[in-house]
Amino acid sequence: MIFKNSSDFYGVIYAPNAEVIMNNSANLYGAVVAKNFQQMNSGTFNYDASLRDASVNDEAVRFVVTNWHEQ
């Protein structure tokens, strides 16, 4: 997954077998689970700390991973 120059992404990426690359001036707001994460030059990653405590009972959170199975 490559975020090109000057792109913005708001959300959560769950890709434990993928590489996530942020190029120049790309901005990512949220959280990332990836095999490899690279931040090139002036890109910024802003971790949303409120995501670590999100639950299915939180009205502000529309989508929450409650469980998954990896094969």
Protein backbone atom coordinates (compact mmCIF):
# COMPACT_ATOMS: atom_id res chain seq x y z
CA MET A 1 0.00 0.00 0.00
CA ILE A 2 1.61 3.25 -1.11
CA PHE A 3 0.40 6.71 -0.16
CA LYS A 4 1.67 9.09 -2.83
CA ASN A 5 2.87 12.65 -2.41
CA SER A 6 0.46 15.05 -0.67
CA SER A 7 -2.21 12.41 -0.01
CA ASP A 8 -4.33 12.29 3.17
CA PHE A 9 -5.83 9.19 4.78
CA TYR A 10 -8.14 9.10 7.79
CA GLY A 11 -8.90 5.65 9.16
CA VAL A 12 -7.50 2.32 10.26
CA ILE A 13 -5.38 -0.01 8.15
CA TYR A 14 -5.23 -3.69 9.13
CA ALA A 15 -2.84 -5.41 6.72
CA PRO A 16 -0.49 -7.60 8.78
CA ASN A 17 1.19 -9.12 5.70
CA ALA A 18 1.57 -5.90 3.69
CA GLU A 19 4.01 -3.04 3.44
CA VAL A 20 2.67 0.47 4.02
CA ILE A 21 4.74 3.29 2.50
CA MET A 22 4.08 6.99 3.00
CA ASN A 23 5.80 9.20 0.42
CA ASN A 24 6.61 12.92 0.60
CA SER A 25 3.99 15.03 2.36
CA ALA A 26 1.53 12.14 2.77
CA ASN A 27 -0.51 12.37 5.96
CA LEU A 28 -2.06 9.44 7.78
CA TYR A 29 -4.46 9.92 10.71
CA GLY A 30 -5.58 6.83 12.61
CA ALA A 31 -3.83 3.50 13.20
CA VAL A 32 -1.83 0.95 11.19
CA VAL A 33 -1.14 -2.76 11.62
CA ALA A 34 1.32 -3.84 8.90
CA LYS A 35 4.29 -6.11 8.28
CA ASN A 36 6.45 -3.08 7.42
CA PHE A 37 5.77 0.65 7.74
CA GLN A 38 7.95 3.29 6.02
CA GLN A 39 7.61 7.03 6.36
CA MET A 40 9.56 8.86 3.67
CA ASN A 41 10.85 12.44 4.04
CA SER A 42 8.17 14.86 5.25
CA GLY A 43 5.20 12.48 5.59
CA THR A 44 3.38 12.52 8.92
CA PHE A 45 1.67 9.75 10.86
CA ASN A 46 -0.77 10.84 13.56
CA TYR A 47 -1.82 7.94 15.78
CA ASP A 48 -5.35 8.33 17.13
CA ALA A 49 -4.91 7.18 20.73
CA SER A 50 -8.69 6.98 21.24
CA LEU A 51 -8.77 3.94 18.93
CA ARG A 52 -6.97 1.73 21.44
CA ASP A 53 -9.91 1.99 23.85
CA ALA A 54 -12.72 1.78 21.25
CA SER A 55 -15.50 -0.68 21.93
CA VAL A 56 -18.70 -1.76 20.21
CA ASN A 57 -20.66 0.21 22.83
CA ASP A 58 -19.03 3.53 21.90
CA GLU A 59 -21.52 5.58 19.84
CA ALA A 60 -18.70 7.62 18.26
CA VAL A 61 -17.15 4.49 16.73
CA ARG A 62 -19.07 3.11 13.76
CA PHE A 63 -16.82 0.15 12.92
CA VAL A 64 -14.88 -1.86 15.47
CA VAL A 65 -13.09 -5.16 14.92
CA THR A 66 -14.51 -7.43 17.59
CA ASN A 67 -12.72 -10.58 16.45
CA TRP A 68 -11.00 -12.14 13.44
CA HIS A 69 -9.42 -15.36 12.35
CA GLU A 70 -6.16 -15.57 10.40
CA GLN A 71 -5.37 -18.59 8.28
